[in-house]
Structures are given as C-alpha cells and as structure tokens.
Amino acid sequence: TNKMLSFTGVSEAAENAVLECAELVKKAEVSIFTD
C-alpha cells in the first residue's frame, strides 16, 4: 500500500543524550537516521 504502518523515534531525553555523548567522545562519528 506504500504506507508507513509504524514509526517510533527516540525521546527528547535520548536526543539530548546523543548530543552529550558526541561532545564527550569526540573521536566517534555520528549518523542520524530519520524515517
């Protein structure tokens, strides 16, 4: 049907945790996948 039946993104708290981790572990590369 070419329809998305379900999609669950991370919470705002998790987004902020990703930002904090990226700042602390600067050698890690980060890619973010949306829908």
Full PDB file with SEQRES, HELIX, SHEET, SSBOND, CRYST1, ORIGX, SCALE, CONECT and MASTER records, all heavy atoms in Angstrom:
SEQRES   1 A   35  THR ASN LYS MET LEU SER PHE THR GLY VAL SER GLU ALA          
SEQRES   2 A   35  ALA GLU ASN ALA VAL LEU GLU CYS ALA GLU LEU VAL LYS          
SEQRES   3 A   35  LYS ALA GLU VAL SER ILE PHE THR ASP                          
HELIX    1 AA1 GLU A   12  LEU A   24  1                                  13    
CRYST1    1.000    1.000    1.000  90.00  90.00  90.00 P 1           1          
ORIGX1      1.000000  0.000000  0.000000        0.00000                         
ORIGX2      0.000000  1.000000  0.000000        0.00000                         
ORIGX3      0.000000  0.000000  1.000000        0.00000                         
SCALE1      1.000000  0.000000  0.000000        0.00000                         
SCALE2      0.000000  1.000000  0.000000        0.00000                         
SCALE3      0.000000  0.000000  1.000000        0.00000                         
ATOM      1  N   THR A   1       0.813  -1.219   0.000  1.00  0.00           N  
ATOM      2  CA  THR A   1       0.000   0.000   0.000  1.00  0.00           C  
ATOM      3  C   THR A   1       0.848   1.271   0.000  1.00  0.00           C  
ATOM      4  O   THR A   1       0.304   2.377  -0.047  1.00  0.00           O  
ATOM      5  CB  THR A   1      -0.913   0.024   1.241  1.00  0.00           C  
ATOM      6  OG1 THR A   1      -0.102   0.013   2.429  1.00  0.00           O  
ATOM      7  CG2 THR A   1      -1.841  -1.194   1.250  1.00  0.00           C  
ATOM      8  N   ASN A   2       2.185   1.086   0.076  1.00  0.00           N  
ATOM      9  CA  ASN A   2       3.106   2.218   0.163  1.00  0.00           C  
ATOM     10  C   ASN A   2       2.783   3.127   1.347  1.00  0.00           C  
ATOM     11  O   ASN A   2       2.774   4.355   1.243  1.00  0.00           O  
ATOM     12  CB  ASN A   2       3.096   3.028  -1.141  1.00  0.00           C  
ATOM     13  CG  ASN A   2       3.683   2.246  -2.298  1.00  0.00           C  
ATOM     14  OD1 ASN A   2       4.674   1.545  -2.149  1.00  0.00           O  
ATOM     15  ND2 ASN A   2       3.046   2.345  -3.450  1.00  0.00           N  
ATOM     16  N   LYS A   3       2.548   2.482   2.512  1.00  0.00           N  
ATOM     17  CA  LYS A   3       2.213   3.237   3.717  1.00  0.00           C  
ATOM     18  C   LYS A   3       3.111   2.829   4.883  1.00  0.00           C  
ATOM     19  O   LYS A   3       3.462   1.667   5.026  1.00  0.00           O  
ATOM     20  CB  LYS A   3       0.748   3.007   4.100  1.00  0.00           C  
ATOM     21  CG  LYS A   3      -0.253   3.653   3.154  1.00  0.00           C  
ATOM     22  CD  LYS A   3      -1.667   3.436   3.658  1.00  0.00           C  
ATOM     23  CE  LYS A   3      -2.692   4.114   2.729  1.00  0.00           C  
ATOM     24  NZ  LYS A   3      -4.087   3.888   3.200  1.00  0.00           N  
ATOM     25  N   MET A   4       3.459   3.824   5.698  1.00  0.00           N  
ATOM     26  CA  MET A   4       4.181   3.578   6.934  1.00  0.00           C  
ATOM     27  C   MET A   4       3.161   3.125   7.975  1.00  0.00           C  
ATOM     28  O   MET A   4       2.236   3.863   8.320  1.00  0.00           O  
ATOM     29  CB  MET A   4       4.884   4.841   7.412  1.00  0.00           C  
ATOM     30  CG  MET A   4       5.868   4.633   8.537  1.00  0.00           C  
ATOM     31  SD  MET A   4       7.425   3.905   7.981  1.00  0.00           S  
ATOM     32  CE  MET A   4       8.135   5.306   7.090  1.00  0.00           C  
ATOM     33  N   LEU A   5       3.306   1.911   8.483  1.00  0.00           N  
ATOM     34  CA  LEU A   5       2.367   1.388   9.464  1.00  0.00           C  
ATOM     35  C   LEU A   5       2.747   1.798  10.874  1.00  0.00           C  
ATOM     36  O   LEU A   5       1.891   1.891  11.760  1.00  0.00           O  
ATOM     37  CB  LEU A   5       2.296  -0.138   9.375  1.00  0.00           C  
ATOM     38  CG  LEU A   5       1.888  -0.723   8.026  1.00  0.00           C  
ATOM     39  CD1 LEU A   5       1.781  -2.239   8.125  1.00  0.00           C  
ATOM     40  CD2 LEU A   5       0.569  -0.125   7.551  1.00  0.00           C  
ATOM     41  N   SER A   6       4.042   2.024  11.094  1.00  0.00           N  
ATOM     42  CA  SER A   6       4.516   2.363  12.434  1.00  0.00           C  
ATOM     43  C   SER A   6       5.888   3.012  12.327  1.00  0.00           C  
ATOM     44  O   SER A   6       6.711   2.586  11.523  1.00  0.00           O  
ATOM     45  CB  SER A   6       4.598   1.086  13.284  1.00  0.00           C  
ATOM     46  OG  SER A   6       5.201   1.336  14.531  1.00  0.00           O  
ATOM     47  N   PHE A   7       6.117   4.052  13.139  1.00  0.00           N  
ATOM     48  CA  PHE A   7       7.449   4.644  13.226  1.00  0.00           C  
ATOM     49  C   PHE A   7       7.621   5.256  14.608  1.00  0.00           C  
ATOM     50  O   PHE A   7       6.804   6.062  15.043  1.00  0.00           O  
ATOM     51  CB  PHE A   7       7.695   5.710  12.162  1.00  0.00           C  
ATOM     52  CG  PHE A   7       9.135   6.161  12.121  1.00  0.00           C  
ATOM     53  CD1 PHE A   7      10.065   5.444  11.391  1.00  0.00           C  
ATOM     54  CD2 PHE A   7       9.552   7.271  12.836  1.00  0.00           C  
ATOM     55  CE1 PHE A   7      11.403   5.826  11.371  1.00  0.00           C  
ATOM     56  CE2 PHE A   7      10.883   7.667  12.816  1.00  0.00           C  
ATOM     57  CZ  PHE A   7      11.807   6.935  12.081  1.00  0.00           C  
ATOM     58  N   THR A   8       8.692   4.850  15.297  1.00  0.00           N  
ATOM     59  CA  THR A   8       8.947   5.324  16.658  1.00  0.00           C  
ATOM     60  C   THR A   8      10.331   5.946  16.734  1.00  0.00           C  
ATOM     61  O   THR A   8      11.342   5.263  16.575  1.00  0.00           O  
ATOM     62  CB  THR A   8       8.868   4.161  17.668  1.00  0.00           C  
ATOM     63  OG1 THR A   8       7.592   3.528  17.556  1.00  0.00           O  
ATOM     64  CG2 THR A   8       9.064   4.671  19.083  1.00  0.00           C  
ATOM     65  N   GLY A   9      10.371   7.242  16.963  1.00  0.00           N  
ATOM     66  CA  GLY A   9      11.637   7.928  17.133  1.00  0.00           C  
ATOM     67  C   GLY A   9      12.054   7.950  18.594  1.00  0.00           C  
ATOM     68  O   GLY A   9      11.249   7.683  19.487  1.00  0.00           O  
ATOM     69  N   VAL A  10      13.328   8.257  18.849  1.00  0.00           N  
ATOM     70  CA  VAL A  10      13.797   8.332  20.231  1.00  0.00           C  
ATOM     71  C   VAL A  10      13.191   9.545  20.919  1.00  0.00           C  
ATOM     72  O   VAL A  10      12.731  10.489  20.271  1.00  0.00           O  
ATOM     73  CB  VAL A  10      15.342   8.383  20.306  1.00  0.00           C  
ATOM     74  CG1 VAL A  10      15.957   7.174  19.623  1.00  0.00           C  
ATOM     75  CG2 VAL A  10      15.881   9.678  19.699  1.00  0.00           C  
ATOM     76  N   SER A  11      13.186   9.522  22.237  1.00  0.00           N  
ATOM     77  CA  SER A  11      12.635  10.617  23.027  1.00  0.00           C  
ATOM     78  C   SER A  11      13.549  11.840  22.988  1.00  0.00           C  
ATOM     79  O   SER A  11      14.719  11.760  22.573  1.00  0.00           O  
ATOM     80  CB  SER A  11      12.455  10.170  24.477  1.00  0.00           C  
ATOM     81  OG  SER A  11      13.729   9.918  25.060  1.00  0.00           O  
ATOM     82  N   GLU A  12      13.023  12.967  23.442  1.00  0.00           N  
ATOM     83  CA  GLU A  12      13.839  14.180  23.529  1.00  0.00           C  
ATOM     84  C   GLU A  12      15.019  13.959  24.470  1.00  0.00           C  
ATOM     85  O   GLU A  12      16.132  14.427  24.211  1.00  0.00           O  
ATOM     86  CB  GLU A  12      12.982  15.350  24.013  1.00  0.00           C  
ATOM     87  CG  GLU A  12      13.743  16.676  24.081  1.00  0.00           C  
ATOM     88  CD  GLU A  12      12.878  17.839  24.517  1.00  0.00           C  
ATOM     89  OE1 GLU A  12      11.666  17.638  24.727  1.00  0.00           O  
ATOM     90  OE2 GLU A  12      13.426  18.963  24.664  1.00  0.00           O  
ATOM     91  N   ALA A  13      14.779  13.213  25.550  1.00  0.00           N  
ATOM     92  CA  ALA A  13      15.861  12.919  26.501  1.00  0.00           C  
ATOM     93  C   ALA A  13      16.966  12.107  25.831  1.00  0.00           C  
ATOM     94  O   ALA A  13      18.155  12.327  26.069  1.00  0.00           O  
ATOM     95  CB  ALA A  13      15.307  12.159  27.706  1.00  0.00           C  
ATOM     96  N   ALA A  14      16.578  11.168  24.971  1.00  0.00           N  
ATOM     97  CA  ALA A  14      17.566  10.357  24.255  1.00  0.00           C  
ATOM     98  C   ALA A  14      18.319  11.201  23.233  1.00  0.00           C  
ATOM     99  O   ALA A  14      19.536  11.038  23.052  1.00  0.00           O  
ATOM    100  CB  ALA A  14      16.889   9.178  23.573  1.00  0.00           C  
ATOM    101  N   GLU A  15      17.619  12.099  22.546  1.00  0.00           N  
ATOM    102  CA  GLU A  15      18.292  13.005  21.620  1.00  0.00           C  
ATOM    103  C   GLU A  15      19.359  13.817  22.356  1.00  0.00           C  
ATOM    104  O   GLU A  15      20.487  13.958  21.873  1.00  0.00           O  
ATOM    105  CB  GLU A  15      17.276  13.950  20.974  1.00  0.00           C  
ATOM    106  CG  GLU A  15      16.326  13.285  19.993  1.00  0.00           C  
ATOM    107  CD  GLU A  15      15.327  14.266  19.402  1.00  0.00           C  
ATOM    108  OE1 GLU A  15      15.228  15.407  19.899  1.00  0.00           O  
ATOM    109  OE2 GLU A  15      14.640  13.888  18.443  1.00  0.00           O  
ATOM    110  N   ASN A  16      18.997  14.330  23.523  1.00  0.00           N  
ATOM    111  CA  ASN A  16      19.952  15.118  24.303  1.00  0.00           C  
ATOM    112  C   ASN A  16      21.128  14.269  24.770  1.00  0.00           C  
ATOM    113  O   ASN A  16      22.269  14.748  24.837  1.00  0.00           O  
ATOM    114  CB  ASN A  16      19.245  15.749  25.500  1.00  0.00           C  
ATOM    115  CG  ASN A  16      18.262  16.840  25.090  1.00  0.00           C  
ATOM    116  OD1 ASN A  16      18.411  17.438  24.023  1.00  0.00           O  
ATOM    117  ND2 ASN A  16      17.244  17.070  25.904  1.00  0.00           N  
ATOM    118  N   ALA A  17      20.859  12.992  25.071  1.00  0.00           N  
ATOM    119  CA  ALA A  17      21.940  12.086  25.476  1.00  0.00           C  
ATOM    120  C   ALA A  17      22.911  11.858  24.326  1.00  0.00           C  
ATOM    121  O   ALA A  17      24.130  11.808  24.530  1.00  0.00           O  
ATOM    122  CB  ALA A  17      21.355  10.754  25.952  1.00  0.00           C  
ATOM    123  N   VAL A  18      22.393  11.745  23.112  1.00  0.00           N  
ATOM    124  CA  VAL A  18      23.244  11.580  21.934  1.00  0.00           C  
ATOM    125  C   VAL A  18      24.154  12.797  21.774  1.00  0.00           C  
ATOM    126  O   VAL A  18      25.358  12.665  21.509  1.00  0.00           O  
ATOM    127  CB  VAL A  18      22.384  11.375  20.662  1.00  0.00           C  
ATOM    128  CG1 VAL A  18      23.243  11.498  19.407  1.00  0.00           C  
ATOM    129  CG2 VAL A  18      21.689  10.020  20.702  1.00  0.00           C  
ATOM    130  N   LEU A  19      23.578  13.980  21.941  1.00  0.00           N  
ATOM    131  CA  LEU A  19      24.369  15.207  21.828  1.00  0.00           C  
ATOM    132  C   LEU A  19      25.470  15.250  22.884  1.00  0.00           C  
ATOM    133  O   LEU A  19      26.612  15.624  22.597  1.00  0.00           O  
ATOM    134  CB  LEU A  19      23.465  16.434  21.973  1.00  0.00           C  
ATOM    135  CG  LEU A  19      22.318  16.582  20.964  1.00  0.00           C  
ATOM    136  CD1 LEU A  19      21.546  17.872  21.233  1.00  0.00           C  
ATOM    137  CD2 LEU A  19      22.840  16.575  19.538  1.00  0.00           C  
ATOM    138  N   GLU A  20      25.122  14.850  24.096  1.00  0.00           N  
ATOM    139  CA  GLU A  20      26.101  14.865  25.188  1.00  0.00           C  
ATOM    140  C   GLU A  20      27.217  13.863  24.927  1.00  0.00           C  
ATOM    141  O   GLU A  20      28.401  14.160  25.125  1.00  0.00           O  
ATOM    142  CB  GLU A  20      25.411  14.547  26.518  1.00  0.00           C  
ATOM    143  CG  GLU A  20      26.345  14.628  27.711  1.00  0.00           C  
ATOM    144  CD  GLU A  20      25.655  14.313  29.027  1.00  0.00           C  
ATOM    145  OE1 GLU A  20      24.410  14.238  29.047  1.00  0.00           O  
ATOM    146  OE2 GLU A  20      26.376  14.121  30.031  1.00  0.00           O  
ATOM    147  N   CYS A  21      26.858  12.668  24.463  1.00  0.00           N  
ATOM    148  CA  CYS A  21      27.868  11.650  24.184  1.00  0.00           C  
ATOM    149  C   CYS A  21      28.801  12.099  23.066  1.00  0.00           C  
ATOM    150  O   CYS A  21      30.020  11.908  23.152  1.00  0.00           O  
ATOM    151  CB  CYS A  21      27.195  10.328  23.812  1.00  0.00           C  
ATOM    152  SG  CYS A  21      28.351   8.970  23.552  1.00  0.00           S  
ATOM    153  N   ALA A  22      28.234  12.680  22.021  1.00  0.00           N  
ATOM    154  CA  ALA A  22      29.061  13.146  20.903  1.00  0.00           C  
ATOM    155  C   ALA A  22      30.049  14.215  21.348  1.00  0.00           C  
ATOM    156  O   ALA A  22      31.180  14.292  20.842  1.00  0.00           O  
ATOM    157  CB  ALA A  22      28.161  13.690  19.790  1.00  0.00           C  
ATOM    158  N   GLU A  23      29.656  15.031  22.314  1.00  0.00           N  
ATOM    159  CA  GLU A  23      30.544  16.071  22.833  1.00  0.00           C  
ATOM    160  C   GLU A  23      31.650  15.473  23.689  1.00  0.00           C  
ATOM    161  O   GLU A  23      32.801  15.920  23.661  1.00  0.00           O  
ATOM    162  CB  GLU A  23      29.725  17.071  23.653  1.00  0.00           C  
ATOM    163  CG  GLU A  23      30.518  18.232  24.217  1.00  0.00           C  
ATOM    164  CD  GLU A  23      31.111  19.126  23.135  1.00  0.00           C  
ATOM    165  OE1 GLU A  23      30.549  19.195  22.029  1.00  0.00           O  
ATOM    166  OE2 GLU A  23      32.164  19.758  23.401  1.00  0.00           O  
ATOM    167  N   LEU A  24      31.314  14.405  24.430  1.00  0.00           N  
ATOM    168  CA  LEU A  24      32.291  13.776  25.317  1.00  0.00           C  
ATOM    169  C   LEU A  24      33.248  12.851  24.566  1.00  0.00           C  
ATOM    170  O   LEU A  24      34.438  12.781  24.888  1.00  0.00           O  
ATOM    171  CB  LEU A  24      31.566  12.975  26.406  1.00  0.00           C  
ATOM    172  CG  LEU A  24      30.829  13.780  27.471  1.00  0.00           C  
ATOM    173  CD1 LEU A  24      29.999  12.849  28.349  1.00  0.00           C  
ATOM    174  CD2 LEU A  24      31.817  14.570  28.318  1.00  0.00           C  
ATOM    175  N   VAL A  25      32.725  12.136  23.572  1.00  0.00           N  
ATOM    176  CA  VAL A  25      33.546  11.182  22.806  1.00  0.00           C  
ATOM    177  C   VAL A  25      33.738  11.759  21.411  1.00  0.00           C  
ATOM    178  O   VAL A  25      33.092  11.360  20.439  1.00  0.00           O  
ATOM    179  CB  VAL A  25      32.875   9.788  22.748  1.00  0.00           C  
ATOM    180  CG1 VAL A  25      33.836   8.765  22.142  1.00  0.00           C  
ATOM    181  CG2 VAL A  25      32.424   9.337  24.128  1.00  0.00           C  
ATOM    182  N   LYS A  26      34.624  12.709  21.300  1.00  0.00           N  
ATOM    183  CA  LYS A  26      34.757  13.485  20.074  1.00  0.00           C  
ATOM    184  C   LYS A  26      35.278  12.665  18.889  1.00  0.00           C  
ATOM    185  O   LYS A  26      35.077  13.045  17.734  1.00  0.00           O  
ATOM    186  CB  LYS A  26      35.665  14.692  20.306  1.00  0.00           C  
ATOM    187  CG  LYS A  26      35.073  15.707  21.280  1.00  0.00           C  
ATOM    188  CD  LYS A  26      35.960  16.922  21.409  1.00  0.00           C  
ATOM    189  CE  LYS A  26      35.430  17.922  22.411  1.00  0.00           C  
ATOM    190  NZ  LYS A  26      34.139  18.487  21.999  1.00  0.00           N  
ATOM    191  N   LYS A  27      35.960  11.561  19.148  1.00  0.00           N  
ATOM    192  CA  LYS A  27      36.502  10.755  18.055  1.00  0.00           C  
ATOM    193  C   LYS A  27      35.432   9.903  17.359  1.00  0.00           C  
ATOM    194  O   LYS A  27      35.673   9.372  16.275  1.00  0.00           O  
ATOM    195  CB  LYS A  27      37.618   9.846  18.573  1.00  0.00           C  
ATOM    196  CG  LYS A  27      38.893  10.601  18.926  1.00  0.00           C  
ATOM    197  CD  LYS A  27      40.014   9.639  19.290  1.00  0.00           C  
ATOM    198  CE  LYS A  27      41.307  10.395  19.576  1.00  0.00           C  
ATOM    199  NZ  LYS A  27      42.426   9.464  19.921  1.00  0.00           N  
ATOM    200  N   ALA A  28      34.274   9.771  17.965  1.00  0.00           N  
ATOM    201  CA  ALA A  28      33.195   8.986  17.352  1.00  0.00           C  
ATOM    202  C   ALA A  28      32.503   9.806  16.271  1.00  0.00           C  
ATOM    203  O   ALA A  28      32.202  10.988  16.464  1.00  0.00           O  
ATOM    204  CB  ALA A  28      32.182   8.563  18.410  1.00  0.00           C  
ATOM    205  N   GLU A  29      32.277   9.182  15.130  1.00  0.00           N  
ATOM    206  CA  GLU A  29      31.445   9.801  14.095  1.00  0.00           C  
ATOM    207  C   GLU A  29      29.994   9.436  14.363  1.00  0.00           C  
ATOM    208  O   GLU A  29      29.698   8.348  14.877  1.00  0.00           O  
ATOM    209  CB  GLU A  29      31.851   9.300  12.711  1.00  0.00           C  
ATOM    210  CG  GLU A  29      33.219   9.758  12.261  1.00  0.00           C  
ATOM    211  CD  GLU A  29      33.509   9.354  10.826  1.00  0.00           C  
ATOM    212  OE1 GLU A  29      32.620   9.479   9.971  1.00  0.00           O  
ATOM    213  OE2 GLU A  29      34.632   8.880  10.572  1.00  0.00           O  
ATOM    214  N   VAL A  30      29.075  10.339  14.014  1.00  0.00           N  
ATOM    215  CA  VAL A  30      27.659  10.117  14.308  1.00  0.00           C  
ATOM    216  C   VAL A  30      26.814  10.314  13.047  1.00  0.00           C  
ATOM    217  O   VAL A  30      26.988  11.302  12.325  1.00  0.00           O  
ATOM    218  CB  VAL A  30      27.154  11.073  15.411  1.00  0.00           C  
ATOM    219  CG1 VAL A  30      25.700  10.774  15.753  1.00  0.00           C  
ATOM    220  CG2 VAL A  30      28.027  10.967  16.655  1.00  0.00           C  
ATOM    221  N   SER A  31      25.901   9.369  12.821  1.00  0.00           N  
ATOM    222  CA  SER A  31      24.908   9.498  11.750  1.00  0.00           C  
ATOM    223  C   SER A  31      23.523   9.275  12.346  1.00  0.00           C  
ATOM    224  O   SER A  31      23.334   8.375  13.165  1.00  0.00           O  
ATOM    225  CB  SER A  31      25.161   8.484  10.628  1.00  0.00           C  
ATOM    226  OG  SER A  31      26.372   8.766   9.957  1.00  0.00           O  
ATOM    227  N   ILE A  32      22.579  10.100  11.925  1.00  0.00           N  
ATOM    228  CA  ILE A  32      21.214  10.031  12.452  1.00  0.00           C  
ATOM    229  C   ILE A  32      20.262   9.649  11.317  1.00  0.00           C  
ATOM    230  O   ILE A  32      20.259  10.264  10.249  1.00  0.00           O  
ATOM    231  CB  ILE A  32      20.808  11.392  13.051  1.00  0.00           C  
ATOM    232  CG1 ILE A  32      21.708  11.715  14.246  1.00  0.00           C  
ATOM    233  CG2 ILE A  32      19.345  11.384  13.477  1.00  0.00           C  
ATOM    234  CD1 ILE A  32      21.549  13.124  14.779  1.00  0.00           C  
ATOM    235  N   PHE A  33      19.454   8.630  11.581  1.00  0.00           N  
ATOM    236  CA  PHE A  33      18.502   8.123  10.600  1.00  0.00           C  
ATOM    237  C   PHE A  33      17.090   8.549  11.001  1.00  0.00           C  
ATOM    238  O   PHE A  33      16.601   8.184  12.069  1.00  0.00           O  
ATOM    239  CB  PHE A  33      18.543   6.594  10.548  1.00  0.00           C  
ATOM    240  CG  PHE A  33      19.827   6.004  10.030  1.00  0.00           C  
ATOM    241  CD1 PHE A  33      21.020   6.161  10.723  1.00  0.00           C  
ATOM    242  CD2 PHE A  33      19.841   5.282   8.844  1.00  0.00           C  
ATOM    243  CE1 PHE A  33      22.202   5.615  10.255  1.00  0.00           C  
ATOM    244  CE2 PHE A  33      21.026   4.725   8.365  1.00  0.00           C  
ATOM    245  CZ  PHE A  33      22.199   4.893   9.073  1.00  0.00           C  
ATOM    246  N   THR A  34      16.424   9.299  10.141  1.00  0.00           N  
ATOM    247  CA  THR A  34      15.009   9.603  10.348  1.00  0.00           C  
ATOM    248  C   THR A  34      14.203   8.635   9.476  1.00  0.00           C  
ATOM    249  O   THR A  34      14.740   7.665   8.935  1.00  0.00           O  
ATOM    250  CB  THR A  34      14.691  11.057   9.964  1.00  0.00           C  
ATOM    251  OG1 THR A  34      14.889  11.247   8.548  1.00  0.00           O  
ATOM    252  CG2 THR A  34      15.582  12.023  10.731  1.00  0.00           C  
ATOM    253  N   ASP A  35      12.913   8.890   9.320  1.00  0.00           N  
ATOM    254  CA  ASP A  35      12.085   7.997   8.507  1.00  0.00           C  
ATOM    255  C   ASP A  35      12.444   8.065   7.022  1.00  0.00           C  
ATOM    256  O   ASP A  35      12.177   7.121   6.279  1.00  0.00           O  
ATOM    257  CB  ASP A  35      10.594   8.294   8.700  1.00  0.00           C  
ATOM    258  CG  ASP A  35      10.242   9.753   8.427  1.00  0.00           C  
ATOM    259  OD1 ASP A  35      11.163  10.604   8.384  1.00  0.00           O  
ATOM    260  OD2 ASP A  35       9.043  10.048   8.267  1.00  0.00           O  
TER     261      ASP A  35                                                      
MASTER        0    0    0    1    0    0    0    6  260    1    0    3          
END                                                                             
